[in-house]
Amino acid sequence: MAFTHTIYDNFFLSNEVEDQYNSHLDLQQFCTVDNSLVGQPGMKRKINVYKATDGTEKLTMGNGNTKTIQVSYTEEEYEILLAQNRFEYYDEQAMTDPMLVPVGVRHMGTDMFNTVNKDIFAEFNKATLSVTATDYGFGTFADAVAKLNLEQIEGVSIFGFVNAADMASIRKALKEDLKYVESFARTGYVGTVAGVNLYTKKDAVTGTIIIGTREAVTLFNKEGVEIEQVLVNNRSETAANTRLNTIFSRKYYLAALTDATKAVKITISGE
């Protein structure tokens, strides 16, 4: 008895993976995406990382500032990365369960994003501006926002990453100062304080909150996902003998902290 197979061509698979990847980036919008990346894995790319010194002072009558905020940059070297994953299945599995390939391919996109997203978050954690406080009060967040070197905060989307384990302490400290804004409601959103939209993140460090704007980190991205398939008519003799199919997806990128003046690390030393 002959079986009819639905073969997924490269065009369909490429769209499936790329659409997953883009939907996550559009949803989170925590970094700037630059699709102009060229080059191969391992190649170096030099990036100017901008920083600023602190200059806020508490003054008494008759006294003025003794220091000023100074902006500078350092040249950092990053390496272009290649992220790759693999999905394998047998002919018999695809015939038994028609959802096998679509679900597997969908997760290839999700897993690819998670890998890239981890690198993005690592760059936010390189924040050089900092605020140390004893609690999660309104003033702590206001002090952190003041360090972002923004001429005005109206219309600027400022976000913060917080570990879910810290949310009880945050709610206790902020009480009614923690507002829930419907327009920011999305996965992980827990409220807004001092203009900072807070999101819980599993891998955020307890006792530490990173706040910033999307200008802080840039994802240099080689647009498109590369797909390679080893299926019927192009697989090895061994794979053909066992009816094994393999799909690879690849992404070329690098994440970099490009503007250190747009990210602040809040550290709680004790309550």
C-alpha atoms as a PDB file:
ATOM      1  CA  MET A   1       0.000   0.000   0.000  1.00  0.00           C
ATOM      2  CA  ALA A   2       1.402   3.402  -0.973  1.00  0.00           C
ATOM      3  CA  PHE A   3       1.410   6.310   1.424  1.00  0.00           C
ATOM      4  CA  THR A   4       1.064   9.950   0.396  1.00  0.00           C
ATOM      5  CA  HIS A   5       3.425  12.330   2.186  1.00  0.00           C
ATOM      6  CA  THR A   6       3.116  16.094   2.520  1.00  0.00           C
ATOM      7  CA  ILE A   7       6.656  17.404   2.008  1.00  0.00           C
ATOM      8  CA  TYR A   8       7.510  20.749   3.616  1.00  0.00           C
ATOM      9  CA  ASP A   9       9.625  22.753   1.196  1.00  0.00           C
ATOM     10  CA  ASN A  10      12.372  25.179   2.243  1.00  0.00           C
ATOM     11  CA  PHE A  11      10.212  28.247   1.641  1.00  0.00           C
ATOM     12  CA  PHE A  12       7.485  27.098   4.034  1.00  0.00           C
ATOM     13  CA  LEU A  13       9.939  26.080   6.741  1.00  0.00           C
ATOM     14  CA  SER A  14      11.865  29.323   6.504  1.00  0.00           C
ATOM     15  CA  ASN A  15       8.683  31.330   7.001  1.00  0.00           C
ATOM     16  CA  GLU A  16       7.579  29.130   9.894  1.00  0.00           C
ATOM     17  CA  VAL A  17      10.797  29.666  11.834  1.00  0.00           C
ATOM     18  CA  GLU A  18      11.248  33.337  10.946  1.00  0.00           C
ATOM     19  CA  ASP A  19       7.659  34.218  11.838  1.00  0.00           C
ATOM     20  CA  GLN A  20       8.115  32.682  15.294  1.00  0.00           C
ATOM     21  CA  TYR A  21      11.287  34.651  15.820  1.00  0.00           C
ATOM     22  CA  ASN A  22       9.799  37.974  14.777  1.00  0.00           C
ATOM     23  CA  SER A  23       6.653  37.554  16.846  1.00  0.00           C
ATOM     24  CA  HIS A  24       8.753  37.266  19.990  1.00  0.00           C
ATOM     25  CA  LEU A  25      10.811  40.349  19.185  1.00  0.00           C
ATOM     26  CA  ASP A  26       7.701  42.398  18.407  1.00  0.00           C
ATOM     27  CA  LEU A  27       6.120  41.255  21.648  1.00  0.00           C
ATOM     28  CA  GLN A  28       9.000  42.135  23.927  1.00  0.00           C
ATOM     29  CA  GLN A  29      10.626  45.111  22.216  1.00  0.00           C
ATOM     30  CA  PHE A  30      13.398  45.280  24.763  1.00  0.00           C
ATOM     31  CA  CYS A  31      16.218  46.042  22.343  1.00  0.00           C
ATOM     32  CA  THR A  32      17.014  47.735  19.053  1.00  0.00           C
ATOM     33  CA  VAL A  33      17.142  45.342  16.100  1.00  0.00           C
ATOM     34  CA  ASP A  34      19.653  46.072  13.340  1.00  0.00           C
ATOM     35  CA  ASN A  35      19.260  43.729  10.353  1.00  0.00           C
ATOM     36  CA  SER A  36      22.403  44.926   8.559  1.00  0.00           C
ATOM     37  CA  LEU A  37      24.777  42.291   9.966  1.00  0.00           C
ATOM     38  CA  VAL A  38      27.176  40.817   7.401  1.00  0.00           C
ATOM     39  CA  GLY A  39      30.010  38.365   7.878  1.00  0.00           C
ATOM     40  CA  GLN A  40      30.554  34.828   9.102  1.00  0.00           C
ATOM     41  CA  PRO A  41      30.601  33.221  12.574  1.00  0.00           C
ATOM     42  CA  GLY A  42      33.791  34.019  14.429  1.00  0.00           C
ATOM     43  CA  MET A  43      34.405  37.283  12.587  1.00  0.00           C
ATOM     44  CA  LYS A  44      34.997  40.286  14.838  1.00  0.00           C
ATOM     45  CA  ARG A  45      32.913  43.442  14.883  1.00  0.00           C
ATOM     46  CA  LYS A  46      34.021  46.589  16.685  1.00  0.00           C
ATOM     47  CA  ILE A  47      31.270  48.577  18.378  1.00  0.00           C
ATOM     48  CA  ASN A  48      31.403  51.944  20.134  1.00  0.00           C
ATOM     49  CA  VAL A  49      29.785  51.612  23.569  1.00  0.00           C
ATOM     50  CA  TYR A  50      28.697  54.944  25.042  1.00  0.00           C
ATOM     51  CA  LYS A  51      28.876  55.694  28.758  1.00  0.00           C
ATOM     52  CA  ALA A  52      28.316  58.680  31.017  1.00  0.00           C
ATOM     53  CA  THR A  53      29.622  59.624  34.440  1.00  0.00           C
ATOM     54  CA  ASP A  54      27.314  60.511  37.335  1.00  0.00           C
ATOM     55  CA  GLY A  55      26.895  64.189  38.124  1.00  0.00           C
ATOM     56  CA  THR A  56      23.917  64.604  40.436  1.00  0.00           C
ATOM     57  CA  GLU A  57      24.723  66.205  43.793  1.00  0.00           C
ATOM     58  CA  LYS A  58      22.598  67.241  46.779  1.00  0.00           C
ATOM     59  CA  LEU A  59      23.307  70.903  47.407  1.00  0.00           C
ATOM     60  CA  THR A  60      22.799  73.405  50.205  1.00  0.00           C
ATOM     61  CA  MET A  61      21.984  77.078  49.794  1.00  0.00           C
ATOM     62  CA  GLY A  62      24.738  79.032  48.076  1.00  0.00           C
ATOM     63  CA  ASN A  63      26.549  75.996  46.705  1.00  0.00           C
ATOM     64  CA  GLY A  64      26.668  74.679  43.142  1.00  0.00           C
ATOM     65  CA  ASN A  65      27.764  71.538  41.374  1.00  0.00           C
ATOM     66  CA  THR A  66      31.389  70.508  41.715  1.00  0.00           C
ATOM     67  CA  LYS A  67      31.237  67.951  38.903  1.00  0.00           C
ATOM     68  CA  THR A  68      29.474  67.561  35.565  1.00  0.00           C
ATOM     69  CA  ILE A  69      28.139  64.621  33.611  1.00  0.00           C
ATOM     70  CA  GLN A  70      30.626  63.547  30.958  1.00  0.00           C
ATOM     71  CA  VAL A  71      29.858  61.272  28.013  1.00  0.00           C
ATOM     72  CA  SER A  72      32.504  59.040  26.465  1.00  0.00           C
ATOM     73  CA  TYR A  73      32.764  55.827  24.480  1.00  0.00           C
ATOM     74  CA  THR A  74      34.993  52.800  24.410  1.00  0.00           C
ATOM     75  CA  GLU A  75      35.549  50.508  21.457  1.00  0.00           C
ATOM     76  CA  GLU A  76      34.427  46.970  22.266  1.00  0.00           C
ATOM     77  CA  GLU A  77      35.052  43.924  20.117  1.00  0.00           C
ATOM     78  CA  TYR A  78      32.259  41.389  19.614  1.00  0.00           C
ATOM     79  CA  GLU A  79      32.182  38.110  17.724  1.00  0.00           C
ATOM     80  CA  ILE A  80      29.488  37.178  15.218  1.00  0.00           C
ATOM     81  CA  LEU A  81      27.651  34.122  16.550  1.00  0.00           C
ATOM     82  CA  LEU A  82      25.933  31.215  14.849  1.00  0.00           C
ATOM     83  CA  ALA A  83      22.957  29.644  16.612  1.00  0.00           C
ATOM     84  CA  GLN A  84      21.829  26.318  15.167  1.00  0.00           C
ATOM     85  CA  ASN A  85      19.303  23.711  16.176  1.00  0.00           C
ATOM     86  CA  ARG A  86      18.248  20.353  14.742  1.00  0.00           C
ATOM     87  CA  PHE A  87      14.946  18.487  14.508  1.00  0.00           C
ATOM     88  CA  GLU A  88      14.866  14.810  13.526  1.00  0.00           C
ATOM     89  CA  TYR A  89      11.944  12.515  12.829  1.00  0.00           C
ATOM     90  CA  TYR A  90      11.247   9.228  11.047  1.00  0.00           C
ATOM     91  CA  ASP A  91       8.880   8.769   8.119  1.00  0.00           C
ATOM     92  CA  GLU A  92       6.681   6.515  10.235  1.00  0.00           C
ATOM     93  CA  GLN A  93       6.339   9.185  12.937  1.00  0.00           C
ATOM     94  CA  ALA A  94       5.231  11.839  10.448  1.00  0.00           C
ATOM     95  CA  MET A  95       2.671   9.447   8.949  1.00  0.00           C
ATOM     96  CA  THR A  96       1.306   8.527  12.377  1.00  0.00           C
ATOM     97  CA  ASP A  97       1.070  12.080  13.718  1.00  0.00           C
ATOM     98  CA  PRO A  98       0.525  14.903  11.190  1.00  0.00           C
ATOM     99  CA  MET A  99       1.221  17.506  13.915  1.00  0.00           C
ATOM    100  CA  LEU A 100       4.741  16.233  14.526  1.00  0.00           C
ATOM    101  CA  VAL A 101       6.541  18.325  11.923  1.00  0.00           C
ATOM    102  CA  PRO A 102       4.589  21.614  12.398  1.00  0.00           C
ATOM    103  CA  VAL A 103       5.047  21.469  16.189  1.00  0.00           C
ATOM    104  CA  GLY A 104       8.711  20.535  15.880  1.00  0.00           C
ATOM    105  CA  VAL A 105       9.382  23.351  13.444  1.00  0.00           C
ATOM    106  CA  ARG A 106       7.482  25.826  15.609  1.00  0.00           C
ATOM    107  CA  HIS A 107       9.602  24.917  18.581  1.00  0.00           C
ATOM    108  CA  MET A 108      12.751  25.327  16.515  1.00  0.00           C
ATOM    109  CA  GLY A 109      11.782  28.994  16.203  1.00  0.00           C
ATOM    110  CA  THR A 110      10.937  29.343  19.895  1.00  0.00           C
ATOM    111  CA  ASP A 111      14.145  27.651  20.965  1.00  0.00           C
ATOM    112  CA  MET A 112      16.161  29.838  18.584  1.00  0.00           C
ATOM    113  CA  PHE A 113      14.623  32.959  20.087  1.00  0.00           C
ATOM    114  CA  ASN A 114      15.263  31.799  23.635  1.00  0.00           C
ATOM    115  CA  THR A 115      18.943  31.341  22.804  1.00  0.00           C
ATOM    116  CA  VAL A 116      19.276  34.815  21.298  1.00  0.00           C
ATOM    117  CA  ASN A 117      17.159  36.353  24.043  1.00  0.00           C
ATOM    118  CA  LYS A 118      19.513  34.960  26.698  1.00  0.00           C
ATOM    119  CA  ASP A 119      22.406  36.812  25.062  1.00  0.00           C
ATOM    120  CA  ILE A 120      20.363  40.032  24.913  1.00  0.00           C
ATOM    121  CA  PHE A 121      19.639  39.810  28.637  1.00  0.00           C
ATOM    122  CA  ALA A 122      23.311  39.149  29.384  1.00  0.00           C
ATOM    123  CA  GLU A 123      24.148  42.472  27.712  1.00  0.00           C
ATOM    124  CA  PHE A 124      21.589  44.332  29.854  1.00  0.00           C
ATOM    125  CA  ASN A 125      23.291  42.833  32.888  1.00  0.00           C
ATOM    126  CA  LYS A 126      26.519  44.583  31.880  1.00  0.00           C
ATOM    127  CA  ALA A 127      24.928  47.899  32.919  1.00  0.00           C
ATOM    128  CA  THR A 128      27.542  50.197  34.440  1.00  0.00           C
ATOM    129  CA  LEU A 129      25.162  52.782  35.915  1.00  0.00           C
ATOM    130  CA  SER A 130      23.872  51.664  39.293  1.00  0.00           C
ATOM    131  CA  VAL A 131      21.625  52.485  42.225  1.00  0.00           C
ATOM    132  CA  THR A 132      22.004  50.813  45.618  1.00  0.00           C
ATOM    133  CA  ALA A 133      19.036  50.963  47.976  1.00  0.00           C
ATOM    134  CA  THR A 134      17.659  49.287  51.063  1.00  0.00           C
ATOM    135  CA  ASP A 135      14.163  48.716  49.656  1.00  0.00           C
ATOM    136  CA  TYR A 136      12.048  48.760  46.492  1.00  0.00           C
ATOM    137  CA  GLY A 137      10.406  52.098  47.292  1.00  0.00           C
ATOM    138  CA  PHE A 138       9.228  54.641  44.730  1.00  0.00           C
ATOM    139  CA  GLY A 139      12.354  56.737  45.328  1.00  0.00           C
ATOM    140  CA  THR A 140      14.597  53.820  44.337  1.00  0.00           C
ATOM    141  CA  PHE A 141      13.017  53.607  40.893  1.00  0.00           C
ATOM    142  CA  ALA A 142      12.900  57.400  40.503  1.00  0.00           C
ATOM    143  CA  ASP A 143      16.647  57.581  41.268  1.00  0.00           C
ATOM    144  CA  ALA A 144      17.339  54.891  38.661  1.00  0.00           C
ATOM    145  CA  VAL A 145      15.278  56.684  35.995  1.00  0.00           C
ATOM    146  CA  ALA A 146      17.185  59.905  36.749  1.00  0.00           C
ATOM    147  CA  LYS A 147      20.398  58.156  35.742  1.00  0.00           C
ATOM    148  CA  LEU A 148      19.155  57.247  32.263  1.00  0.00           C
ATOM    149  CA  ASN A 149      20.315  60.568  30.789  1.00  0.00           C
ATOM    150  CA  LEU A 150      16.889  61.343  29.290  1.00  0.00           C
ATOM    151  CA  GLU A 151      15.908  64.921  28.518  1.00  0.00           C
ATOM    152  CA  GLN A 152      12.278  63.950  29.098  1.00  0.00           C
ATOM    153  CA  ILE A 153      10.646  60.671  29.991  1.00  0.00           C
ATOM    154  CA  GLU A 154       7.230  61.352  28.480  1.00  0.00           C
ATOM    155  CA  GLY A 155       6.727  59.079  25.503  1.00  0.00           C
ATOM    156  CA  VAL A 156       9.829  57.020  26.351  1.00  0.00           C
ATOM    157  CA  SER A 157       9.261  53.346  27.095  1.00  0.00           C
ATOM    158  CA  ILE A 158      11.312  52.396  30.161  1.00  0.00           C
ATOM    159  CA  PHE A 159      11.168  48.805  31.329  1.00  0.00           C
ATOM    160  CA  GLY A 160      12.575  46.799  34.193  1.00  0.00           C
ATOM    161  CA  PHE A 161      13.364  43.101  34.620  1.00  0.00           C
ATOM    162  CA  VAL A 162      12.634  41.621  38.034  1.00  0.00           C
ATOM    163  CA  ASN A 163      12.806  38.112  39.449  1.00  0.00           C
ATOM    164  CA  ALA A 164       9.361  36.771  40.356  1.00  0.00           C
ATOM    165  CA  ALA A 165      10.639  35.900  43.829  1.00  0.00           C
ATOM    166  CA  ASP A 166      11.102  39.620  44.563  1.00  0.00           C
ATOM    167  CA  MET A 167       7.561  40.647  43.614  1.00  0.00           C
ATOM    168  CA  ALA A 168       6.116  40.213  47.126  1.00  0.00           C
ATOM    169  CA  SER A 169       8.709  42.644  48.513  1.00  0.00           C
ATOM    170  CA  ILE A 170       8.126  45.050  45.632  1.00  0.00           C
ATOM    171  CA  ARG A 171       4.350  45.099  46.127  1.00  0.00           C
ATOM    172  CA  LYS A 172       4.802  45.522  49.872  1.00  0.00           C
ATOM    173  CA  ALA A 173       7.184  48.467  49.435  1.00  0.00           C
ATOM    174  CA  LEU A 174       5.258  50.224  46.660  1.00  0.00           C
ATOM    175  CA  LYS A 175       1.651  49.577  47.659  1.00  0.00           C
ATOM    176  CA  GLU A 176      -0.494  51.974  45.586  1.00  0.00           C
ATOM    177  CA  ASP A 177       2.564  53.407  43.803  1.00  0.00           C
ATOM    178  CA  LEU A 178       2.612  50.254  41.666  1.00  0.00           C
ATOM    179  CA  LYS A 179       0.065  50.964  38.925  1.00  0.00           C
ATOM    180  CA  TYR A 180      -1.339  48.487  36.429  1.00  0.00           C
ATOM    181  CA  VAL A 181      -1.548  50.086  32.979  1.00  0.00           C
ATOM    182  CA  GLU A 182      -3.701  48.125  30.529  1.00  0.00           C
ATOM    183  CA  SER A 183      -1.796  49.360  27.461  1.00  0.00           C
ATOM    184  CA  PHE A 184       1.353  47.622  28.709  1.00  0.00           C
ATOM    185  CA  ALA A 185      -0.409  44.373  29.612  1.00  0.00           C
ATOM    186  CA  ARG A 186       1.466  41.448  28.108  1.00  0.00           C
ATOM    187  CA  THR A 187       3.220  38.288  29.254  1.00  0.00           C
ATOM    188  CA  GLY A 188       5.257  39.003  32.377  1.00  0.00           C
ATOM    189  CA  TYR A 189       3.955  42.524  33.012  1.00  0.00           C
ATOM    190  CA  VAL A 190       3.287  43.190  36.701  1.00  0.00           C
ATOM    191  CA  GLY A 191       2.872  46.963  36.927  1.00  0.00           C
ATOM    192  CA  THR A 192       4.390  50.407  36.438  1.00  0.00           C
ATOM    193  CA  VAL A 193       6.223  52.587  38.959  1.00  0.00           C
ATOM    194  CA  ALA A 194       7.937  55.961  38.372  1.00  0.00           C
ATOM    195  CA  GLY A 195       7.479  55.450  34.636  1.00  0.00           C
ATOM    196  CA  VAL A 196       9.127  52.005  34.670  1.00  0.00           C
ATOM    197  CA  ASN A 197       7.117  49.070  33.290  1.00  0.00           C
ATOM    198  CA  LEU A 198       8.117  46.023  35.339  1.00  0.00           C
ATOM    199  CA  TYR A 199       8.277  42.517  33.857  1.00  0.00           C
ATOM    200  CA  THR A 200       9.077  39.309  35.703  1.00  0.00           C
ATOM    201  CA  LYS A 201      11.934  37.293  34.232  1.00  0.00           C
ATOM    202  CA  LYS A 202      12.895  33.824  35.395  1.00  0.00           C
ATOM    203  CA  ASP A 203      16.633  34.354  35.003  1.00  0.00           C
ATOM    204  CA  ALA A 204      16.757  37.798  36.603  1.00  0.00           C
ATOM    205  CA  VAL A 205      18.986  37.880  39.681  1.00  0.00           C
ATOM    206  CA  THR A 206      17.109  38.127  42.982  1.00  0.00           C
ATOM    207  CA  GLY A 207      17.668  41.443  44.722  1.00  0.00           C
ATOM    208  CA  THR A 208      18.612  43.068  41.410  1.00  0.00           C
ATOM    209  CA  ILE A 209      16.504  44.915  38.836  1.00  0.00           C
ATOM    210  CA  ILE A 210      17.757  46.061  35.447  1.00  0.00           C
ATOM    211  CA  ILE A 211      15.899  49.048  34.015  1.00  0.00           C
ATOM    212  CA  GLY A 212      16.507  50.632  30.656  1.00  0.00           C
ATOM    213  CA  THR A 213      15.267  51.603  27.223  1.00  0.00           C
ATOM    214  CA  ARG A 214      15.521  49.684  23.977  1.00  0.00           C
ATOM    215  CA  GLU A 215      18.450  51.902  22.919  1.00  0.00           C
ATOM    216  CA  ALA A 216      20.692  50.243  25.527  1.00  0.00           C
ATOM    217  CA  VAL A 217      21.173  46.944  23.705  1.00  0.00           C
ATOM    218  CA  THR A 218      21.309  46.318  19.974  1.00  0.00           C
ATOM    219  CA  LEU A 219      20.723  42.963  18.319  1.00  0.00           C
ATOM    220  CA  PHE A 220      22.783  42.936  15.145  1.00  0.00           C
ATOM    221  CA  ASN A 221      20.951  40.421  13.056  1.00  0.00           C
ATOM    222  CA  LYS A 222      21.567  38.729   9.696  1.00  0.00           C
ATOM    223  CA  GLU A 223      18.014  38.843   8.416  1.00  0.00           C
ATOM    224  CA  GLY A 224      16.392  35.521   7.720  1.00  0.00           C
ATOM    225  CA  VAL A 225      16.758  32.000   9.081  1.00  0.00           C
ATOM    226  CA  GLU A 226      18.836  29.545   7.085  1.00  0.00           C
ATOM    227  CA  ILE A 227      17.155  26.162   6.642  1.00  0.00           C
ATOM    228  CA  GLU A 228      18.800  22.911   5.592  1.00  0.00           C
ATOM    229  CA  GLN A 229      16.809  19.733   5.152  1.00  0.00           C
ATOM    230  CA  VAL A 230      17.948  16.131   4.832  1.00  0.00           C
ATOM    231  CA  LEU A 231      14.786  14.411   3.609  1.00  0.00           C
ATOM    232  CA  VAL A 232      13.613  11.904   1.033  1.00  0.00           C
ATOM    233  CA  ASN A 233      15.783  11.854  -2.130  1.00  0.00           C
ATOM    234  CA  ASN A 234      18.710  13.756  -0.584  1.00  0.00           C
ATOM    235  CA  ARG A 235      19.550  11.791   2.565  1.00  0.00           C
ATOM    236  CA  SER A 236      22.516   9.461   3.079  1.00  0.00           C
ATOM    237  CA  GLU A 237      22.278   5.716   2.565  1.00  0.00           C
ATOM    238  CA  THR A 238      22.231   5.199   6.337  1.00  0.00           C
ATOM    239  CA  ALA A 239      19.447   7.761   6.863  1.00  0.00           C
ATOM    240  CA  ALA A 240      17.496   6.361   3.916  1.00  0.00           C
ATOM    241  CA  ASN A 241      17.810   2.854   5.340  1.00  0.00           C
ATOM    242  CA  THR A 242      16.212   3.942   8.626  1.00  0.00           C
ATOM    243  CA  ARG A 243      13.918   6.565   6.975  1.00  0.00           C
ATOM    244  CA  LEU A 244      15.353   9.343   9.137  1.00  0.00           C
ATOM    245  CA  ASN A 245      14.687  13.008   8.253  1.00  0.00           C
ATOM    246  CA  THR A 246      16.661  15.939   9.664  1.00  0.00           C
ATOM    247  CA  ILE A 247      15.989  19.685   9.577  1.00  0.00           C
ATOM    248  CA  PHE A 248      18.529  22.317  10.648  1.00  0.00           C
ATOM    249  CA  SER A 249      17.845  26.007  11.283  1.00  0.00           C
ATOM    250  CA  ARG A 250      20.605  28.615  11.686  1.00  0.00           C
ATOM    251  CA  LYS A 251      20.716  32.229  12.780  1.00  0.00           C
ATOM    252  CA  TYR A 252      23.668  34.644  12.573  1.00  0.00           C
ATOM    253  CA  TYR A 253      23.687  37.480  15.087  1.00  0.00           C
ATOM    254  CA  LEU A 254      25.391  39.296  17.929  1.00  0.00           C
ATOM    255  CA  ALA A 255      23.927  41.204  20.878  1.00  0.00           C
ATOM    256  CA  ALA A 256      25.798  44.182  22.296  1.00  0.00           C
ATOM    257  CA  LEU A 257      25.388  46.823  24.981  1.00  0.00           C
ATOM    258  CA  THR A 258      25.705  49.792  22.632  1.00  0.00           C
ATOM    259  CA  ASP A 259      24.556  52.614  24.926  1.00  0.00           C
ATOM    260  CA  ALA A 260      25.443  52.132  28.591  1.00  0.00           C
ATOM    261  CA  THR A 261      23.725  55.427  29.432  1.00  0.00           C
ATOM    262  CA  LYS A 262      20.363  53.736  28.784  1.00  0.00           C
ATOM    263  CA  ALA A 263      20.564  50.891  31.349  1.00  0.00           C
ATOM    264  CA  VAL A 264      20.753  50.999  35.151  1.00  0.00           C
ATOM    265  CA  LYS A 265      21.263  48.192  37.649  1.00  0.00           C
ATOM    266  CA  ILE A 266      19.296  48.498  40.908  1.00  0.00           C
ATOM    267  CA  THR A 267      20.736  46.481  43.783  1.00  0.00           C
ATOM    268  CA  ILE A 268      18.839  46.005  47.030  1.00  0.00           C
ATOM    269  CA  SER A 269      21.282  45.668  49.909  1.00  0.00           C
ATOM    270  CA  GLY A 270      18.688  44.898  52.576  1.00  0.00           C
ATOM    271  CA  GLU A 271      15.257  45.810  53.810  1.00  0.00           C
END
